[in-house]
Amino acid sequence: KRQIYLDNACLTPTPAAVSEAIREFYERPPGCPFRSNTNGSGHLEDRIREGRDSVRKFLNAKFSDEIVFTPNTTFAINLLAGAFLNKPGKVLITDLEHNSNRLPWLRHERIEVPWPNGAPFPLDSYRELLRQNVKLVSITAMSNVTGQAVPVREVVREAQAQGIPVHLDAAQAFASGQLDVVEDLPDFVSFSLHKAYGPMGLGGLYLQRKWQTQLEPQFVGAGAVDDHFEDATKWTNGAGRFEFGLQNYAALYAVPATMAFLTSFDRSALREHFCTLSAALWSRLREIPGVGFAGPVTPECGQHVCSFFIRDRDAARLASLLDMVGKIQVRSGKLCAHHWFHRYGISDVLRVSFGVYNSVRDVEEFSNVLHTILKHYD
């Protein structure tokens, strides 16, 4: 059997051009960018600038130095959480956040917007809670559990009308190309490139320029300063202020290839592609007795995530059997959103998440293998 990979919400496969860029980096002599005046370091500096600008264009940001590279989304959110720690007020999140956009805020006073299973985003509740001395909204742009998208422009507009900045956890939304920071106007956007067909161990934080000097770096070291003497430090300007120490240069070298891959897809066509796959999957899942969904009973057009459970069937065992019997890789469990699963009493789920390369044939093979396993489950 051919392998079928349906866990793209966790990690996406690496395109050949991205792998080739990483190989090229390691075949060259190393350079020490932004620290030495050599051809090698200059070449790498140019490549990093090119990568930063390609992400800027993808998000439609105004300035390249608003793109801070980090190891992943989690790191980016922790940077932000540390920078806001001493600011007065509360952080507003939903109860459907990934642990990476929940745990960093536990050190802050916070408010949670309830988002029950199957419900649309609770915009009215959100509006009411904004009045409770909120210093920051930190919210998923698209849930890794339900696949539901937040009405980003309304969320941002409502908050900023009251002078409240907004951070979007775009780990699931970034690759879609639907985010536009000029139109949507978030103050901060965190993302992972290894969920967007890029290299492992690389993500980023869009940090609107006006905030860069208002937030103190929470991690410090070489590269983040222009000068230092005794207790006095002069922080550097731009993204470098938050990029301390030597970086993952192999991954950074591959950013231009990653963004070229992402921009090669028509965004409307990609949305329709996921609509087709989701419709085919939901149709087959509804044939199963005892099936239930974490998220909408009918998929939102364009979502690439489907989480479901089957009454009296263990999700982890089903995931293992799918792998053993059909060479099909999916995710199982509470999907790093334990709080939400416990709060609403939802069983562990199987999660299917599509990528750009998946097909209706993949959906049919997955469904056929799952039906066969359930027939012989006991």
Protein backbone atom coordinates (compact mmCIF):
# COMPACT_ATOMS: atom_id res chain seq x y z
CA LYS A 1 0.00 0.00 0.00
CA ARG A 2 1.12 3.58 -0.63
CA GLN A 3 1.52 5.82 2.38
CA ILE A 4 -1.20 8.39 2.99
CA TYR A 5 -0.29 11.32 5.21
CA LEU A 6 -3.23 13.09 6.86
CA ASP A 7 -1.58 14.91 9.76
CA ASN A 8 -0.73 18.21 8.09
CA ALA A 9 -2.03 20.27 11.01
CA CYS A 10 0.98 19.00 12.96
CA LEU A 11 3.74 18.95 10.33
CA THR A 12 3.66 19.30 6.57
CA PRO A 13 5.94 17.36 4.20
CA THR A 14 8.96 19.19 2.85
CA PRO A 15 8.90 20.02 -0.89
CA ALA A 16 11.98 19.08 -2.93
CA ALA A 17 12.98 22.72 -3.46
CA VAL A 18 13.04 23.34 0.31
CA SER A 19 15.10 20.20 0.95
CA GLU A 20 17.47 21.24 -1.82
CA ALA A 21 17.96 24.68 -0.25
CA ILE A 22 18.86 23.08 3.09
CA ARG A 23 21.32 20.74 1.35
CA GLU A 24 22.87 23.72 -0.45
CA PHE A 25 23.36 25.52 2.86
CA TYR A 26 25.27 22.62 4.38
CA GLU A 27 27.44 22.21 1.29
CA ARG A 28 28.69 25.78 1.56
CA PRO A 29 31.36 26.98 4.03
CA PRO A 30 29.65 28.51 7.07
CA GLY A 31 29.32 32.26 7.44
CA CYS A 32 28.57 34.33 10.54
CA PRO A 33 25.83 36.74 9.39
CA PHE A 34 25.49 40.26 10.77
CA ARG A 35 28.71 39.77 12.71
CA SER A 36 31.58 39.49 10.22
CA ASN A 37 32.56 41.17 6.94
CA THR A 38 33.14 38.16 4.69
CA ASN A 39 31.64 36.96 1.43
CA GLY A 40 30.18 33.93 3.19
CA SER A 41 28.41 35.93 5.86
CA GLY A 42 27.28 38.51 3.30
CA HIS A 43 25.71 35.77 1.15
CA LEU A 44 23.80 34.40 4.14
CA GLU A 45 22.69 37.89 5.20
CA ASP A 46 21.24 38.46 1.73
CA ARG A 47 19.42 35.13 1.90
CA ILE A 48 17.94 35.95 5.30
CA ARG A 49 16.80 39.37 4.06
CA GLU A 50 15.25 37.70 1.00
CA GLY A 51 13.40 35.22 3.23
CA ARG A 52 12.19 37.92 5.59
CA ASP A 53 10.89 39.98 2.68
CA SER A 54 9.14 36.97 1.14
CA VAL A 55 7.21 36.42 4.39
CA ARG A 56 6.41 40.13 4.49
CA LYS A 57 4.90 39.94 1.01
CA PHE A 58 2.92 36.80 1.88
CA LEU A 59 1.32 38.54 4.87
CA ASN A 60 1.14 41.86 3.00
CA ALA A 61 3.06 43.56 5.82
CA LYS A 62 4.51 47.02 5.24
CA PHE A 63 8.05 46.44 6.48
CA SER A 64 10.39 43.45 6.36
CA ASP A 65 11.73 44.18 9.83
CA GLU A 66 8.25 43.46 11.22
CA ILE A 67 8.96 39.74 10.63
CA VAL A 68 10.80 38.19 13.59
CA PHE A 69 12.04 34.63 13.05
CA THR A 70 11.55 32.19 15.95
CA PRO A 71 11.88 28.41 16.39
CA ASN A 72 8.09 27.92 16.23
CA THR A 73 4.69 29.43 17.07
CA THR A 74 4.99 28.44 20.73
CA PHE A 75 8.25 30.36 21.11
CA ALA A 76 6.75 33.41 19.40
CA ILE A 77 3.77 33.43 21.79
CA ASN A 78 6.04 33.05 24.81
CA LEU A 79 8.08 36.03 23.58
CA LEU A 80 4.89 38.07 23.49
CA ALA A 81 3.61 36.77 26.83
CA GLY A 82 6.85 37.75 28.53
CA ALA A 83 6.86 41.18 26.96
CA PHE A 84 3.31 41.88 28.22
CA LEU A 85 3.82 40.41 31.68
CA ASN A 86 4.35 43.70 33.49
CA LYS A 87 1.64 45.60 31.64
CA PRO A 88 -1.56 46.15 33.66
CA GLY A 89 -4.81 44.50 32.60
CA LYS A 90 -6.15 41.14 31.51
CA VAL A 91 -5.47 38.89 28.52
CA LEU A 92 -8.54 37.69 26.64
CA ILE A 93 -8.41 34.20 25.11
CA THR A 94 -11.01 31.58 24.15
CA ASP A 95 -11.34 28.24 25.93
CA LEU A 96 -10.58 26.53 22.59
CA GLU A 97 -6.95 27.66 22.41
CA HIS A 98 -4.06 25.29 21.75
CA ASN A 99 -1.94 24.83 24.88
CA SER A 100 0.69 27.02 23.22
CA ASN A 101 -1.74 29.95 23.27
CA ARG A 102 -3.08 29.13 26.72
CA LEU A 103 -0.22 28.10 29.02
CA PRO A 104 1.97 31.19 28.35
CA TRP A 105 -0.90 33.40 29.55
CA LEU A 106 -1.45 31.59 32.86
CA ARG A 107 1.05 33.98 34.46
CA HIS A 108 -1.31 36.84 33.52
CA GLU A 109 -4.75 37.71 34.76
CA ARG A 110 -7.02 36.49 31.98
CA ILE A 111 -10.58 36.18 30.70
CA GLU A 112 -11.84 33.25 28.64
CA VAL A 113 -14.51 33.41 25.98
CA PRO A 114 -16.49 30.13 26.11
CA TRP A 115 -16.63 28.44 22.70
CA PRO A 116 -18.79 25.30 23.07
CA ASN A 117 -18.50 22.38 20.68
CA GLY A 118 -20.37 22.88 17.41
CA ALA A 119 -21.06 26.57 18.01
CA PRO A 120 -19.88 29.39 15.74
CA PHE A 121 -17.41 31.89 17.15
CA PRO A 122 -19.24 33.63 20.07
CA LEU A 123 -18.86 37.20 18.85
CA ASP A 124 -21.47 38.67 21.21
CA SER A 125 -19.77 37.18 24.30
CA TYR A 126 -16.43 38.37 22.97
CA ARG A 127 -17.73 41.95 22.65
CA GLU A 128 -19.04 41.91 26.22
CA LEU A 129 -15.78 40.58 27.70
CA LEU A 130 -13.69 43.23 25.93
CA ARG A 131 -15.05 45.73 28.45
CA GLN A 132 -13.31 44.07 31.40
CA ASN A 133 -9.97 45.90 31.51
CA VAL A 134 -8.37 43.86 28.70
CA LYS A 135 -4.75 44.68 27.80
CA LEU A 136 -4.41 42.14 24.96
CA VAL A 137 -6.54 39.76 22.91
CA SER A 138 -4.67 36.54 22.05
CA ILE A 139 -6.81 34.25 19.96
CA THR A 140 -6.52 31.48 17.40
CA ALA A 141 -7.15 32.48 13.79
CA MET A 142 -8.17 28.88 13.01
CA SER A 143 -8.66 26.09 15.52
CA ASN A 144 -6.38 23.06 15.30
CA VAL A 145 -9.20 21.02 16.88
CA THR A 146 -12.36 22.02 15.03
CA GLY A 147 -10.88 23.66 11.93
CA GLN A 148 -13.18 26.64 12.47
CA ALA A 149 -11.90 30.06 11.46
CA VAL A 150 -12.40 33.15 13.58
CA PRO A 151 -13.97 36.23 11.93
CA VAL A 152 -10.60 37.95 12.11
CA ARG A 153 -11.55 41.41 10.87
CA GLU A 154 -14.49 41.71 13.23
CA VAL A 155 -12.46 40.42 16.17
CA VAL A 156 -9.66 42.90 15.50
CA ARG A 157 -12.00 45.81 14.77
CA GLU A 158 -13.99 45.32 17.99
CA ALA A 159 -10.82 45.19 20.11
CA GLN A 160 -8.99 48.06 18.51
CA ALA A 161 -12.07 50.29 18.77
CA GLN A 162 -11.35 50.11 22.50
CA GLY A 163 -7.61 50.54 22.12
CA ILE A 164 -6.82 46.86 22.73
CA PRO A 165 -4.08 45.19 20.65
CA VAL A 166 -4.71 41.77 19.07
CA HIS A 167 -2.46 38.75 18.64
CA LEU A 168 -3.50 35.99 16.22
CA ASP A 169 -2.20 32.45 16.67
CA ALA A 170 -1.96 31.62 12.96
CA ALA A 171 -0.29 28.21 13.24
CA GLN A 172 -3.15 26.66 11.22
CA ALA A 173 -4.14 29.71 9.18
CA PHE A 174 -0.78 30.90 7.86
CA ALA A 175 -0.37 28.42 4.98
CA SER A 176 -3.79 29.27 3.54
CA GLY A 177 -2.54 32.69 2.49
CA GLN A 178 -5.81 34.23 3.67
CA LEU A 179 -4.25 36.52 6.28
CA ASP A 180 -3.58 40.10 5.23
CA VAL A 181 -2.15 42.25 7.99
CA VAL A 182 -2.97 45.48 6.14
CA GLU A 183 -6.62 44.54 5.69
CA ASP A 184 -7.05 42.56 8.93
CA LEU A 185 -4.88 44.93 11.04
CA PRO A 186 -3.70 42.57 13.81
CA ASP A 187 -0.86 43.89 15.95
CA PHE A 188 0.85 40.49 16.21
CA VAL A 189 0.69 37.22 14.25
CA SER A 190 2.54 34.04 15.26
CA PHE A 191 3.12 31.16 12.86
CA SER A 192 5.20 28.05 12.09
CA LEU A 193 6.79 27.38 8.72
CA HIS A 194 7.02 23.64 9.43
CA LYS A 195 3.21 23.66 9.23
CA ALA A 196 3.48 25.49 5.90
CA TYR A 197 5.75 23.20 3.82
CA GLY A 198 8.87 24.82 5.23
CA PRO A 199 11.90 23.57 7.16
CA MET A 200 11.68 22.09 10.64
CA GLY A 201 12.24 24.27 13.66
CA LEU A 202 11.33 27.63 12.16
CA GLY A 203 8.43 29.97 12.78
CA GLY A 204 7.90 33.64 13.20
CA LEU A 205 6.15 36.57 14.81
CA TYR A 206 4.74 39.46 12.85
CA LEU A 207 5.41 42.36 15.21
CA GLN A 208 3.91 45.63 14.04
CA ARG A 209 6.66 48.24 13.94
CA LYS A 210 5.00 50.59 16.44
CA TRP A 211 5.26 47.86 19.11
CA GLN A 212 8.92 47.01 18.63
CA THR A 213 10.29 49.70 20.92
CA GLN A 214 7.40 49.41 23.37
CA LEU A 215 8.14 45.77 24.23
CA GLU A 216 11.27 44.71 26.09
CA PRO A 217 13.00 41.56 24.77
CA GLN A 218 12.48 38.69 27.20
CA PHE A 219 15.51 36.76 25.99
CA VAL A 220 18.73 38.64 25.48
CA GLY A 221 22.17 38.08 24.06
CA ALA A 222 24.40 38.66 21.09
CA GLY A 223 22.68 39.98 18.00
CA ALA A 224 19.98 41.81 19.95
CA VAL A 225 22.16 44.78 20.95
CA ASP A 226 24.08 47.52 19.18
CA ASP A 227 26.25 48.32 22.19
CA HIS A 228 26.72 47.40 25.81
CA PHE A 229 28.92 48.70 28.63
CA GLU A 230 28.62 47.70 32.30
CA ASP A 231 24.86 47.94 33.05
CA ALA A 232 23.91 50.05 30.03
CA THR A 233 22.54 48.34 26.93
CA LYS A 234 21.53 49.84 23.60
CA TRP A 235 19.07 47.47 21.95
CA THR A 236 19.17 47.12 18.20
CA ASN A 237 16.20 48.19 16.10
CA GLY A 238 13.91 46.00 14.02
CA ALA A 239 13.55 42.23 14.09
CA GLY A 240 17.07 41.71 15.41
CA ARG A 241 15.96 43.15 18.75
CA PHE A 242 14.08 39.86 19.32
CA GLU A 243 16.43 37.46 17.49
CA PHE A 244 19.18 36.71 19.98
CA GLY A 245 22.18 34.45 19.48
CA LEU A 246 23.08 32.41 16.41
CA GLN A 247 19.99 31.25 14.56
CA ASN A 248 18.80 28.17 12.66
CA TYR A 249 20.53 29.35 9.50
CA ALA A 250 19.90 26.16 7.53
CA ALA A 251 16.17 26.68 7.95
CA LEU A 252 16.41 30.42 7.28
CA TYR A 253 18.30 29.68 4.08
CA ALA A 254 15.27 27.69 2.88
CA VAL A 255 12.64 30.37 3.60
CA PRO A 256 12.66 31.84 0.05
CA ALA A 257 12.02 28.37 -1.39
CA THR A 258 9.23 27.79 1.14
CA MET A 259 7.47 31.02 0.30
CA ALA A 260 7.89 30.42 -3.43
CA PHE A 261 6.11 27.08 -2.94
CA LEU A 262 3.27 28.67 -0.97
CA THR A 263 2.75 31.49 -3.43
CA SER A 264 2.63 29.07 -6.37
CA PHE A 265 -0.94 28.14 -5.39
CA ASP A 266 -3.98 30.21 -6.26
CA ARG A 267 -5.63 30.96 -2.91
CA SER A 268 -9.17 30.56 -4.19
CA ALA A 269 -8.31 27.27 -5.88
CA LEU A 270 -6.68 26.03 -2.67
CA ARG A 271 -9.79 26.90 -0.70
CA GLU A 272 -11.94 24.99 -3.20
CA HIS A 273 -9.54 22.04 -3.00
CA PHE A 274 -10.09 21.80 0.77
CA CYS A 275 -13.85 22.27 0.30
CA THR A 276 -13.92 19.25 -1.99
CA LEU A 277 -11.86 17.06 0.35
CA SER A 278 -13.85 18.05 3.43
CA ALA A 279 -17.19 17.39 1.75
CA ALA A 280 -16.02 13.94 0.63
CA LEU A 281 -14.70 13.08 4.11
CA TRP A 282 -17.76 14.25 6.06
CA SER A 283 -20.01 12.32 3.68
CA ARG A 284 -18.19 9.05 4.38
CA LEU A 285 -17.91 9.65 8.12
CA ARG A 286 -21.66 10.15 8.50
CA GLU A 287 -22.11 6.54 7.35
CA ILE A 288 -20.51 5.32 10.59
CA PRO A 289 -22.89 4.51 13.49
CA GLY A 290 -22.00 6.41 16.66
CA VAL A 291 -19.81 9.02 14.98
CA GLY A 292 -19.58 12.47 16.54
CA PHE A 293 -17.59 15.58 15.74
CA ALA A 294 -15.38 17.98 17.64
CA GLY A 295 -16.47 21.01 15.69
CA PRO A 296 -19.19 21.69 13.16
CA VAL A 297 -21.39 18.85 11.94
CA THR A 298 -21.11 20.36 8.47
CA PRO A 299 -17.62 21.54 7.44
CA GLU A 300 -16.87 25.19 6.81
CA CYS A 301 -15.76 25.60 3.22
CA GLY A 302 -11.98 25.81 3.09
CA GLN A 303 -11.22 24.18 6.43
CA HIS A 304 -8.53 21.51 6.28
CA VAL A 305 -9.16 19.88 9.68
CA CYS A 306 -11.76 17.30 10.73
CA SER A 307 -11.82 15.87 14.26
CA PHE A 308 -14.26 13.09 15.14
CA PHE A 309 -14.88 10.29 17.62
CA ILE A 310 -16.76 7.00 17.41
CA ARG A 311 -18.81 5.82 20.37
CA ASP A 312 -17.14 2.99 22.35
CA ARG A 313 -14.06 3.01 20.12
CA ASP A 314 -10.62 4.05 21.35
CA ALA A 315 -9.17 6.83 19.20
CA ALA A 316 -5.52 5.95 19.88
CA ARG A 317 -6.10 2.32 18.94
CA LEU A 318 -7.89 3.33 15.75
CA ALA A 319 -4.99 5.61 14.80
CA SER A 320 -2.52 2.76 15.32
CA LEU A 321 -4.64 0.35 13.29
CA LEU A 322 -4.98 2.84 10.45
CA ASP A 323 -1.20 3.06 10.34
CA MET A 324 -0.62 -0.70 10.62
CA VAL A 325 -3.37 -1.83 8.25
CA GLY A 326 -3.49 1.00 5.73
CA LYS A 327 -0.23 2.95 6.14
CA ILE A 328 -2.40 5.98 6.89
CA GLN A 329 -1.13 8.58 9.35
CA VAL A 330 -3.63 10.65 11.35
CA ARG A 331 -3.57 12.22 14.83
CA SER A 332 -5.45 11.08 17.91
CA GLY A 333 -6.05 12.37 21.43
CA LYS A 334 -6.90 15.79 22.84
CA LEU A 335 -4.80 17.65 20.25
CA CYS A 336 -2.99 19.88 22.78
CA ALA A 337 -6.32 21.43 23.77
CA HIS A 338 -6.88 19.42 26.95
CA HIS A 339 -8.70 22.22 28.76
CA TRP A 340 -11.45 22.41 26.11
CA PHE A 341 -11.94 18.63 25.94
CA HIS A 342 -12.25 18.39 29.73
CA ARG A 343 -14.54 21.42 30.03
CA TYR A 344 -17.09 20.10 27.53
CA GLY A 345 -16.68 16.38 28.26
CA ILE A 346 -15.60 15.48 24.74
CA SER A 347 -14.00 12.11 23.99
CA ASP A 348 -10.53 11.81 22.51
CA VAL A 349 -10.72 12.23 18.76
CA LEU A 350 -9.16 11.15 15.51
CA ARG A 351 -8.04 14.15 13.48
CA VAL A 352 -7.69 14.17 9.71
CA SER A 353 -5.93 17.26 8.37
CA PHE A 354 -5.36 17.83 4.68
CA GLY A 355 -2.44 19.26 2.75
CA VAL A 356 -2.17 20.72 -0.72
CA TYR A 357 -1.18 17.35 -2.20
CA ASN A 358 -4.02 15.25 -0.74
CA SER A 359 -6.75 13.98 -3.04
CA VAL A 360 -10.25 12.54 -3.01
CA ARG A 361 -8.57 9.18 -3.59
CA ASP A 362 -6.81 9.62 -0.22
CA VAL A 363 -10.17 10.31 1.42
CA GLU A 364 -11.72 7.21 -0.14
CA GLU A 365 -8.81 4.96 0.88
CA PHE A 366 -8.86 6.34 4.42
CA SER A 367 -12.62 5.81 4.66
CA ASN A 368 -12.48 2.27 3.27
CA VAL A 369 -9.72 1.22 5.65
CA LEU A 370 -11.51 2.80 8.63
CA HIS A 371 -14.76 1.02 7.74
CA THR A 372 -12.89 -2.29 7.48
CA ILE A 373 -11.19 -1.77 10.86
CA LEU A 374 -14.49 -0.95 12.54
CA LYS A 375 -16.04 -4.11 11.07
CA HIS A 376 -13.39 -6.22 12.82
CA TYR A 377 -12.66 -3.90 15.79
CA ASP A 378 -13.70 -6.28 18.59
